[in-house]
Amino acid sequence: MRRHIHEIAKVVPGSIAEECGLVPGDKIITINDHQIEDIFDYQFYIEEEYLSILVETMDGEEYILEIEKDEEEDLGILFQESLMDQYHSCSNKCIFCFIDQMPPGMRETLYFKDDDSRLSFLQGNYITLTNMNMQDMERIIRYHLAPINISVHTTNPELRCQMLHNRFAGDILEKIRMFSEEHIEMNSQIVLCRGINDGEELDRSIRDLSAFYPAMESLSVVPVGLTRFREGLPRLEAFDRESARQVIRQIKDWQNKLKESLGSCFVHASDEWFILAGEEIPPADYYEGFGQLENGVGMVRLLIEEVRETLGTLTGDDRHRQVSIATAKLAYPTILQLTEELKTVFPNLTIHVYCIRNDFFGEMITVSGLLTGQDIMKQLSGKELGECLYLPGNLLRAGEEVLLDDVTLNEISKTLQKPVSILQSDGKDFVYKLAGL
């Protein structure tokens, strides 16, 4: 059995840990004779009033630290890794996996496939449940790590094994049923591949998953993303305007049926379908509270609503200002529309909106989160940018000013000879920054 030892990175001043003499570099081995696998075990076991902690000092000596405290009182310890464990990797070889479509030579972290239930709870990641054993399932239930987001793709066992290239992937409904019976809240997604898990297979998946409502709270359907780096990978066909419209019609039919039987539409199409189909983005009530926002379901509508709400609170003025925005093909029409609405309140604003073609991954990739610095710099060279260039926040690596291709905002600014600023994904930030409020 693997022995889990966790090094203390920081001790909070004035905390119980400091009073007990713990210092950075000390290691926690067990709490009340329990092995600590990760942050969830740690938080669970320190809730006790009486703790017996096996500690290893920086000199390698071990001793027992006994603590009496209030129930659920924190010890004031921070560890080297926030999860207190390595991320669990994915052993699938999904036919649509975006990581397999990455070009060589990028930073190593971009090639790591995570399939970790803990990240589903902490960060909203989607997981397939194929890289979990029964102990992992039981830990989710014991600690009620919910909601958990599940990449289903299809409920047809044979087809799921083929799509995930994993002969153990066919038991998805049994695992979902286990969570449902234990009242673990779930959300699900289907990455739709044309001619594979669409049509009747999509009907089957929606029917099967909606049977677990309300434990299974929602299902999102997103189109497969195809880069130009697919050599040696299964052949997949992109959706066009007519096939996208067919998917929207199919989902709407299900929404009407499920609204009547469940009181919820349950299944939703991501924004990409409507833009690809050339159809209007649905109104806000279509999204039933925007429960799958991070999966691209309702992001466009929410931004529109927030911008209009913010503009409704402003009287406007005659300020003169010239700025620019770069975005991707998917969001371009909406950004263009919103800048025009902004100019009805501030008529002397000049806002240049540029649609950046994704030459790096290929023109079929149309989301702003996958834009690269090199494409932005190349395509904006010599363009009128005004006093500042604004970029969407979702193209940055979390917590850093770095894009997917390791180009920094500072490099873009130096190359284009203009200040570069980030627009957060909310309407107020959009209005205030562009108007210079």
Protein backbone atom coordinates (compact mmCIF):
# COMPACT_ATOMS: atom_id res chain seq x y z
CA MET A 1 0.00 0.00 0.00
CA ARG A 2 1.32 3.42 -0.96
CA ARG A 3 2.32 5.56 2.02
CA HIS A 4 1.03 9.10 1.65
CA ILE A 5 3.24 11.76 3.26
CA HIS A 6 2.37 15.43 2.89
CA GLU A 7 4.89 18.22 3.43
CA ILE A 8 3.72 21.41 5.10
CA ALA A 9 4.36 24.46 2.94
CA LYS A 10 3.06 27.14 5.30
CA VAL A 11 1.75 27.48 8.84
CA VAL A 12 -0.80 30.24 9.35
CA PRO A 13 0.32 32.72 12.05
CA GLY A 14 -1.70 32.41 15.25
CA SER A 15 -3.14 29.04 14.22
CA ILE A 16 -3.36 25.80 16.17
CA ALA A 17 -0.52 24.39 14.05
CA GLU A 18 1.78 27.26 15.02
CA GLU A 19 0.90 26.90 18.69
CA CYS A 20 1.77 23.19 18.46
CA GLY A 21 5.18 23.95 16.99
CA LEU A 22 4.60 22.71 13.43
CA VAL A 23 6.79 24.45 10.85
CA PRO A 24 7.14 24.40 7.05
CA GLY A 25 9.04 21.28 6.01
CA ASP A 26 7.40 19.05 8.62
CA LYS A 27 5.35 16.21 7.12
CA ILE A 28 1.93 14.81 8.07
CA ILE A 29 1.86 11.00 7.86
CA THR A 30 -1.45 9.98 9.50
CA ILE A 31 -4.33 11.58 11.39
CA ASN A 32 -6.03 9.39 14.00
CA ASP A 33 -4.25 6.40 12.39
CA HIS A 34 -5.82 7.17 8.99
CA GLN A 35 -3.75 7.51 5.84
CA ILE A 36 -4.32 10.88 4.17
CA GLU A 37 -4.60 10.45 0.41
CA ASP A 38 -5.62 13.98 -0.50
CA ILE A 39 -7.22 17.22 0.67
CA PHE A 40 -10.63 15.57 1.09
CA ASP A 41 -9.30 12.97 3.53
CA TYR A 42 -7.44 15.72 5.39
CA GLN A 43 -10.47 17.99 5.72
CA PHE A 44 -12.66 15.06 6.76
CA TYR A 45 -10.40 13.77 9.53
CA ILE A 46 -9.40 17.13 11.06
CA GLU A 47 -13.04 17.89 11.83
CA GLU A 48 -12.72 15.68 14.93
CA GLU A 49 -12.27 17.35 18.33
CA TYR A 50 -9.41 15.06 19.33
CA LEU A 51 -6.56 14.50 16.88
CA SER A 52 -3.56 12.23 17.06
CA ILE A 53 -1.22 13.25 14.24
CA LEU A 54 1.89 11.32 13.24
CA VAL A 55 4.44 13.93 12.21
CA GLU A 56 7.82 13.56 10.57
CA THR A 57 10.22 16.46 11.21
CA MET A 58 12.67 17.89 8.71
CA ASP A 59 15.36 15.81 10.45
CA GLY A 60 13.45 12.58 9.72
CA GLU A 61 12.29 12.00 13.29
CA GLU A 62 8.69 10.90 13.89
CA TYR A 63 6.47 11.82 16.84
CA ILE A 64 2.80 11.87 17.81
CA LEU A 65 1.16 15.29 18.14
CA GLU A 66 -2.06 15.26 20.18
CA ILE A 67 -4.50 18.13 19.70
CA GLU A 68 -7.80 18.97 21.38
CA LYS A 69 -9.83 21.61 19.56
CA ASP A 70 -13.32 22.71 18.64
CA GLU A 71 -15.14 20.50 16.15
CA GLU A 72 -14.51 21.57 12.50
CA GLU A 73 -11.87 24.11 13.65
CA ASP A 74 -9.08 24.38 11.09
CA LEU A 75 -5.45 23.66 11.98
CA GLY A 76 -3.95 26.41 9.83
CA ILE A 77 -1.80 24.22 7.60
CA LEU A 78 -1.16 24.77 3.89
CA PHE A 79 0.48 22.09 1.75
CA GLN A 80 2.79 22.14 -1.26
CA GLU A 81 -0.02 20.96 -3.56
CA SER A 82 -3.58 22.25 -3.08
CA LEU A 83 -4.97 18.79 -3.89
CA MET A 84 -2.33 17.09 -1.68
CA ASP A 85 -1.97 14.46 -4.40
CA GLN A 86 -1.04 14.01 -8.04
CA TYR A 87 -3.77 14.46 -10.62
CA HIS A 88 -5.31 11.25 -11.93
CA SER A 89 -4.61 10.84 -15.64
CA CYS A 90 -6.88 9.48 -18.37
CA SER A 91 -6.20 6.12 -20.01
CA ASN A 92 -8.83 6.55 -22.74
CA LYS A 93 -8.03 7.18 -26.38
CA CYS A 94 -11.21 9.05 -27.33
CA ILE A 95 -11.71 9.50 -31.07
CA PHE A 96 -12.42 13.22 -30.52
CA CYS A 97 -9.86 14.01 -27.80
CA PHE A 98 -8.56 17.54 -28.29
CA ILE A 99 -5.24 16.81 -26.59
CA ASP A 100 -4.48 14.16 -29.22
CA GLN A 101 -4.98 16.92 -31.82
CA MET A 102 -2.30 19.18 -30.36
CA PRO A 103 0.80 19.93 -32.41
CA PRO A 104 4.21 18.77 -31.15
CA GLY A 105 6.58 21.11 -29.35
CA MET A 106 4.17 22.81 -26.95
CA ARG A 107 4.63 22.94 -23.17
CA GLU A 108 4.38 19.58 -21.45
CA THR A 109 1.33 20.41 -19.31
CA LEU A 110 -0.83 20.81 -22.42
CA TYR A 111 -0.45 17.12 -23.22
CA PHE A 112 -1.63 15.88 -19.82
CA LYS A 113 -5.07 14.26 -19.88
CA ASP A 114 -6.76 14.50 -16.51
CA ASP A 115 -9.75 12.38 -15.58
CA ASP A 116 -9.92 13.17 -11.88
CA SER A 117 -13.21 13.18 -9.97
CA ARG A 118 -11.74 15.57 -7.42
CA LEU A 119 -11.11 18.16 -10.13
CA SER A 120 -14.68 17.70 -11.29
CA PHE A 121 -15.81 18.79 -7.84
CA LEU A 122 -13.19 21.51 -7.30
CA GLN A 123 -12.92 23.02 -10.79
CA GLY A 124 -15.91 21.74 -12.75
CA ASN A 125 -13.87 19.45 -15.01
CA TYR A 126 -15.74 16.74 -16.91
CA ILE A 127 -14.68 13.14 -16.29
CA THR A 128 -15.56 9.86 -18.01
CA LEU A 129 -15.71 7.68 -14.84
CA THR A 130 -13.65 5.06 -16.70
CA ASN A 131 -10.48 5.76 -14.73
CA MET A 132 -12.08 5.10 -11.35
CA ASN A 133 -12.24 1.98 -9.20
CA MET A 134 -14.93 1.16 -6.65
CA GLN A 135 -12.92 2.84 -3.88
CA ASP A 136 -12.94 6.09 -5.87
CA MET A 137 -16.70 5.81 -6.38
CA GLU A 138 -17.25 5.20 -2.68
CA ARG A 139 -15.11 8.22 -1.72
CA ILE A 140 -17.29 10.47 -3.88
CA ILE A 141 -20.33 9.17 -2.05
CA ARG A 142 -18.75 9.27 1.42
CA TYR A 143 -17.57 12.86 1.07
CA HIS A 144 -20.50 13.86 -1.15
CA LEU A 145 -18.24 15.41 -3.78
CA ALA A 146 -21.07 16.95 -5.75
CA PRO A 147 -21.98 18.06 -8.27
CA ILE A 148 -19.86 15.79 -10.42
CA ASN A 149 -19.62 16.50 -14.15
CA ILE A 150 -19.63 13.44 -16.40
CA SER A 151 -18.52 13.09 -20.02
CA VAL A 152 -21.01 10.52 -21.25
CA HIS A 153 -20.94 10.97 -25.06
CA THR A 154 -23.24 7.98 -25.54
CA THR A 155 -25.15 5.56 -23.32
CA ASN A 156 -24.83 2.76 -25.88
CA PRO A 157 -22.29 0.45 -24.15
CA GLU A 158 -20.69 -0.91 -27.33
CA LEU A 159 -20.50 2.48 -28.99
CA ARG A 160 -19.05 4.10 -25.87
CA CYS A 161 -16.29 1.49 -25.72
CA GLN A 162 -15.49 2.28 -29.36
CA MET A 163 -15.59 6.07 -28.97
CA LEU A 164 -13.42 6.06 -25.83
CA HIS A 165 -11.26 3.19 -27.14
CA ASN A 166 -11.67 1.54 -23.76
CA ARG A 167 -13.26 -1.89 -23.38
CA PHE A 168 -14.31 -1.04 -19.82
CA ALA A 169 -16.24 2.12 -20.76
CA GLY A 170 -19.63 0.48 -21.31
CA ASP A 171 -20.83 0.51 -17.69
CA ILE A 172 -21.58 4.23 -17.56
CA LEU A 173 -25.28 3.85 -16.72
CA GLU A 174 -24.50 1.51 -13.82
CA LYS A 175 -22.14 4.09 -12.33
CA ILE A 176 -24.60 6.93 -12.86
CA ARG A 177 -27.31 4.83 -11.22
CA MET A 178 -25.05 4.24 -8.22
CA PHE A 179 -24.53 7.98 -7.78
CA SER A 180 -28.22 8.68 -8.33
CA GLU A 181 -29.29 6.22 -5.64
CA GLU A 182 -26.91 7.96 -3.21
CA HIS A 183 -28.30 11.41 -4.17
CA ILE A 184 -25.06 12.64 -5.73
CA GLU A 185 -25.90 15.58 -8.00
CA MET A 186 -24.54 15.26 -11.54
CA ASN A 187 -24.30 17.11 -14.84
CA SER A 188 -23.44 15.43 -18.11
CA GLN A 189 -22.15 16.29 -21.55
CA ILE A 190 -22.07 14.75 -25.00
CA VAL A 191 -19.40 15.68 -27.51
CA LEU A 192 -21.35 15.04 -30.69
CA CYS A 193 -19.55 13.42 -33.61
CA ARG A 194 -21.36 13.51 -36.94
CA GLY A 195 -22.53 10.11 -38.11
CA ILE A 196 -21.36 8.39 -34.92
CA ASN A 197 -23.27 9.35 -31.76
CA ASP A 198 -25.84 11.71 -33.28
CA GLY A 199 -29.30 10.94 -34.68
CA GLU A 200 -30.88 7.90 -33.06
CA GLU A 201 -27.89 7.45 -30.75
CA LEU A 202 -28.40 10.98 -29.43
CA ASP A 203 -32.08 10.20 -28.84
CA ARG A 204 -31.07 7.11 -26.88
CA SER A 205 -28.57 9.03 -24.75
CA ILE A 206 -31.02 11.83 -23.91
CA ARG A 207 -33.72 9.28 -23.03
CA ASP A 208 -31.40 7.25 -20.80
CA LEU A 209 -29.84 10.20 -18.97
CA SER A 210 -33.10 12.10 -18.40
CA ALA A 211 -34.40 9.02 -16.56
CA PHE A 212 -32.01 9.93 -13.71
CA TYR A 213 -33.43 13.45 -13.27
CA PRO A 214 -33.30 15.24 -10.82
CA ALA A 215 -30.04 13.65 -9.57
CA MET A 216 -28.77 14.10 -13.12
CA GLU A 217 -29.51 17.81 -13.28
CA SER A 218 -28.67 18.62 -16.89
CA LEU A 219 -27.14 17.48 -20.15
CA SER A 220 -25.22 19.66 -22.61
CA VAL A 221 -24.53 18.75 -26.23
CA VAL A 222 -21.44 20.31 -27.83
CA PRO A 223 -20.01 19.80 -31.33
CA VAL A 224 -16.70 18.03 -31.76
CA GLY A 225 -13.69 20.33 -32.19
CA LEU A 226 -11.38 19.35 -35.02
CA THR A 227 -7.90 20.80 -35.44
CA ARG A 228 -5.63 20.40 -38.47
CA PHE A 229 -3.40 18.01 -36.48
CA ARG A 230 -5.36 14.77 -36.95
CA GLU A 231 -2.85 12.62 -38.80
CA GLY A 232 -3.24 9.01 -37.70
CA LEU A 233 -6.51 9.73 -35.85
CA PRO A 234 -10.00 8.47 -36.77
CA ARG A 235 -11.65 10.39 -39.59
CA LEU A 236 -14.34 12.73 -38.27
CA GLU A 237 -16.63 15.00 -40.26
CA ALA A 238 -17.42 18.53 -39.14
CA PHE A 239 -20.99 19.73 -38.73
CA ASP A 240 -22.22 22.24 -41.31
CA ARG A 241 -25.13 24.69 -41.17
CA GLU A 242 -27.85 22.21 -42.11
CA SER A 243 -26.61 19.42 -39.83
CA ALA A 244 -26.31 21.93 -36.96
CA ARG A 245 -29.91 22.99 -37.54
CA GLN A 246 -30.97 19.35 -37.41
CA VAL A 247 -29.25 18.91 -34.04
CA ILE A 248 -30.99 22.04 -32.70
CA ARG A 249 -34.39 20.76 -33.91
CA GLN A 250 -33.77 17.38 -32.32
CA ILE A 251 -32.82 18.93 -28.99
CA LYS A 252 -35.81 21.30 -29.07
CA ASP A 253 -38.15 18.35 -29.60
CA TRP A 254 -36.69 16.68 -26.52
CA GLN A 255 -36.88 19.89 -24.52
CA ASN A 256 -40.59 20.19 -25.23
CA LYS A 257 -41.22 16.59 -24.15
CA LEU A 258 -39.06 16.77 -21.05
CA LYS A 259 -40.42 20.15 -19.97
CA GLU A 260 -43.85 18.56 -19.85
CA SER A 261 -42.79 15.34 -18.11
CA LEU A 262 -39.99 16.58 -15.82
CA GLY A 263 -40.68 20.30 -15.47
CA SER A 264 -37.22 20.96 -16.92
CA CYS A 265 -35.84 21.11 -20.45
CA PHE A 266 -32.88 19.09 -19.08
CA VAL A 267 -30.88 19.00 -22.35
CA HIS A 268 -29.32 22.08 -23.91
CA ALA A 269 -27.36 22.87 -27.05
CA SER A 270 -24.14 24.82 -26.63
CA ASP A 271 -23.82 28.28 -28.19
CA GLU A 272 -21.73 26.93 -31.07
CA TRP A 273 -24.71 25.13 -32.58
CA PHE A 274 -26.76 28.31 -32.96
CA ILE A 275 -23.89 30.32 -34.41
CA LEU A 276 -22.96 27.48 -36.79
CA ALA A 277 -26.61 27.17 -37.83
CA GLY A 278 -26.96 30.91 -38.35
CA GLU A 279 -29.80 31.07 -35.83
CA GLU A 280 -30.55 33.57 -33.08
CA ILE A 281 -29.11 32.85 -29.65
CA PRO A 282 -32.07 31.78 -27.46
CA PRO A 283 -33.44 34.05 -24.71
CA ALA A 284 -32.16 33.78 -21.14
CA ASP A 285 -34.97 31.56 -19.87
CA TYR A 286 -33.94 28.88 -22.38
CA TYR A 287 -30.88 28.17 -20.23
CA GLU A 288 -32.76 27.55 -16.97
CA GLY A 289 -30.29 29.40 -14.76
CA PHE A 290 -27.16 28.89 -16.90
CA GLY A 291 -26.19 25.69 -15.11
CA GLN A 292 -23.67 24.62 -17.76
CA LEU A 293 -22.15 28.00 -18.49
CA GLU A 294 -18.54 26.79 -18.34
CA ASN A 295 -19.38 24.21 -20.99
CA GLY A 296 -20.29 26.92 -23.48
CA VAL A 297 -24.03 26.76 -22.86
CA GLY A 298 -25.44 30.27 -22.59
CA MET A 299 -22.21 32.27 -22.42
CA VAL A 300 -23.19 34.44 -25.36
CA ARG A 301 -26.69 35.14 -24.08
CA LEU A 302 -25.45 35.94 -20.58
CA LEU A 303 -22.90 38.43 -21.95
CA ILE A 304 -25.60 40.11 -24.05
CA GLU A 305 -27.93 40.39 -21.05
CA GLU A 306 -25.19 41.75 -18.77
CA VAL A 307 -24.05 44.34 -21.30
CA ARG A 308 -27.59 45.57 -21.86
CA GLU A 309 -28.29 45.65 -18.14
CA THR A 310 -25.14 47.70 -17.55
CA LEU A 311 -25.92 50.09 -20.39
CA GLY A 312 -29.37 50.61 -18.89
CA THR A 313 -27.78 52.09 -15.77
CA LEU A 314 -25.68 54.65 -17.68
CA THR A 315 -26.69 58.04 -19.06
CA GLY A 316 -23.75 58.25 -21.46
CA ASP A 317 -21.72 61.26 -22.59
CA ASP A 318 -19.78 62.62 -25.57
CA ARG A 319 -16.36 61.22 -24.63
CA HIS A 320 -13.97 60.50 -27.51
CA ARG A 321 -12.10 57.22 -27.36
CA GLN A 322 -10.66 54.77 -29.89
CA VAL A 323 -9.86 51.16 -28.91
CA SER A 324 -9.86 47.69 -30.46
CA ILE A 325 -10.96 44.16 -29.61
CA ALA A 326 -9.69 40.87 -31.03
CA THR A 327 -11.88 37.80 -30.80
CA ALA A 328 -12.51 34.51 -32.61
CA LYS A 329 -15.03 33.64 -35.29
CA LEU A 330 -17.61 32.19 -32.90
CA ALA A 331 -17.99 35.34 -30.79
CA TYR A 332 -17.26 37.91 -33.51
CA PRO A 333 -20.87 38.67 -34.59
CA THR A 334 -21.98 39.10 -30.98
CA ILE A 335 -19.03 41.34 -30.04
CA LEU A 336 -19.67 43.44 -33.13
CA GLN A 337 -23.34 43.79 -32.16
CA LEU A 338 -22.55 44.73 -28.56
CA THR A 339 -20.03 47.39 -29.53
CA GLU A 340 -22.70 49.00 -31.72
CA GLU A 341 -25.10 49.00 -28.75
CA LEU A 342 -22.36 50.53 -26.61
CA LYS A 343 -22.02 53.36 -29.13
CA THR A 344 -25.69 54.24 -28.80
CA VAL A 345 -24.85 55.39 -25.26
CA PHE A 346 -21.36 56.73 -26.04
CA PRO A 347 -21.69 57.91 -29.68
CA ASN A 348 -18.12 59.15 -30.02
CA LEU A 349 -16.51 55.82 -29.25
CA THR A 350 -14.59 54.17 -32.08
CA ILE A 351 -14.20 50.43 -31.48
CA HIS A 352 -12.38 48.27 -34.02
CA VAL A 353 -13.48 44.63 -33.75
CA TYR A 354 -11.15 42.11 -35.38
CA CYS A 355 -11.96 38.46 -36.08
CA ILE A 356 -8.82 36.36 -35.62
CA ARG A 357 -8.63 33.31 -37.86
CA ASN A 358 -7.16 30.29 -36.06
CA ASP A 359 -4.27 29.41 -38.36
CA PHE A 360 -2.45 27.63 -35.53
CA PHE A 361 -5.04 24.89 -34.87
CA GLY A 362 -6.94 25.28 -38.14
CA GLU A 363 -9.91 27.34 -39.30
CA MET A 364 -12.41 24.82 -37.92
CA ILE A 365 -11.46 25.90 -34.39
CA THR A 366 -13.53 29.03 -33.81
CA VAL A 367 -13.55 29.64 -30.03
CA SER A 368 -11.61 32.52 -28.48
CA GLY A 369 -10.15 30.33 -25.72
CA LEU A 370 -7.97 28.56 -28.31
CA LEU A 371 -6.50 31.63 -29.96
CA THR A 372 -2.73 31.92 -29.91
CA GLY A 373 -0.48 34.92 -29.51
CA GLN A 374 1.25 34.31 -32.84
CA ASP A 375 -2.04 34.43 -34.77
CA ILE A 376 -3.10 37.60 -32.95
CA MET A 377 0.20 39.37 -33.60
CA LYS A 378 0.42 38.32 -37.24
CA GLN A 379 -3.15 39.23 -38.14
CA LEU A 380 -3.24 42.55 -36.27
CA SER A 381 0.10 43.79 -37.57
CA GLY A 382 -0.45 47.12 -39.27
CA LYS A 383 -4.11 47.35 -38.21
CA GLU A 384 -5.65 50.37 -36.51
CA LEU A 385 -5.77 49.46 -32.83
CA GLY A 386 -6.49 52.79 -31.15
CA GLU A 387 -5.15 53.53 -27.70
CA CYS A 388 -5.52 49.97 -26.37
CA LEU A 389 -6.10 46.41 -27.62
CA TYR A 390 -8.52 44.28 -25.59
CA LEU A 391 -8.41 40.50 -25.55
CA PRO A 392 -10.85 37.97 -23.99
CA GLY A 393 -9.75 36.59 -20.64
CA ASN A 394 -10.40 32.95 -21.53
CA LEU A 395 -7.37 32.76 -23.82
CA LEU A 396 -4.99 33.03 -20.86
CA ARG A 397 -3.54 30.22 -18.80
CA ALA A 398 -5.18 30.30 -15.37
CA GLY A 399 -3.51 32.85 -13.11
CA GLU A 400 -0.94 33.91 -15.70
CA GLU A 401 -0.65 36.36 -18.59
CA VAL A 402 0.37 33.61 -21.02
CA LEU A 403 -1.49 32.20 -24.04
CA LEU A 404 -1.54 28.59 -25.28
CA ASP A 405 1.58 29.01 -27.39
CA ASP A 406 3.50 30.55 -24.46
CA VAL A 407 3.29 34.05 -25.93
CA THR A 408 2.79 36.61 -23.15
CA LEU A 409 0.59 39.69 -23.15
CA ASN A 410 3.76 41.75 -22.81
CA GLU A 411 5.15 40.21 -26.03
CA ILE A 412 1.92 41.04 -27.88
CA SER A 413 2.03 44.58 -26.56
CA LYS A 414 5.66 45.06 -27.61
CA THR A 415 5.10 43.57 -31.05
CA LEU A 416 2.00 45.64 -31.82
CA GLN A 417 3.31 48.73 -30.00
CA LYS A 418 0.04 49.10 -28.06
CA PRO A 419 -1.08 48.47 -24.49
CA VAL A 420 -2.95 45.18 -24.17
CA SER A 421 -5.71 44.66 -21.61
CA ILE A 422 -7.95 41.73 -20.75
CA LEU A 423 -11.75 41.75 -20.85
CA GLN A 424 -13.31 39.49 -18.25
CA SER A 425 -16.32 37.44 -19.27
CA ASP A 426 -18.95 39.70 -17.71
CA GLY A 427 -20.92 42.50 -19.30
CA LYS A 428 -20.03 45.20 -16.81
CA ASP A 429 -16.31 44.75 -17.41
CA PHE A 430 -16.97 44.83 -21.16
CA VAL A 431 -18.81 48.15 -20.99
CA TYR A 432 -16.64 49.89 -18.42
CA LYS A 433 -13.29 49.05 -19.99
CA LEU A 434 -14.26 49.80 -23.58
CA ALA A 435 -15.89 53.08 -22.59
CA GLY A 436 -12.99 53.97 -20.32
CA LEU A 437 -15.21 54.45 -17.29
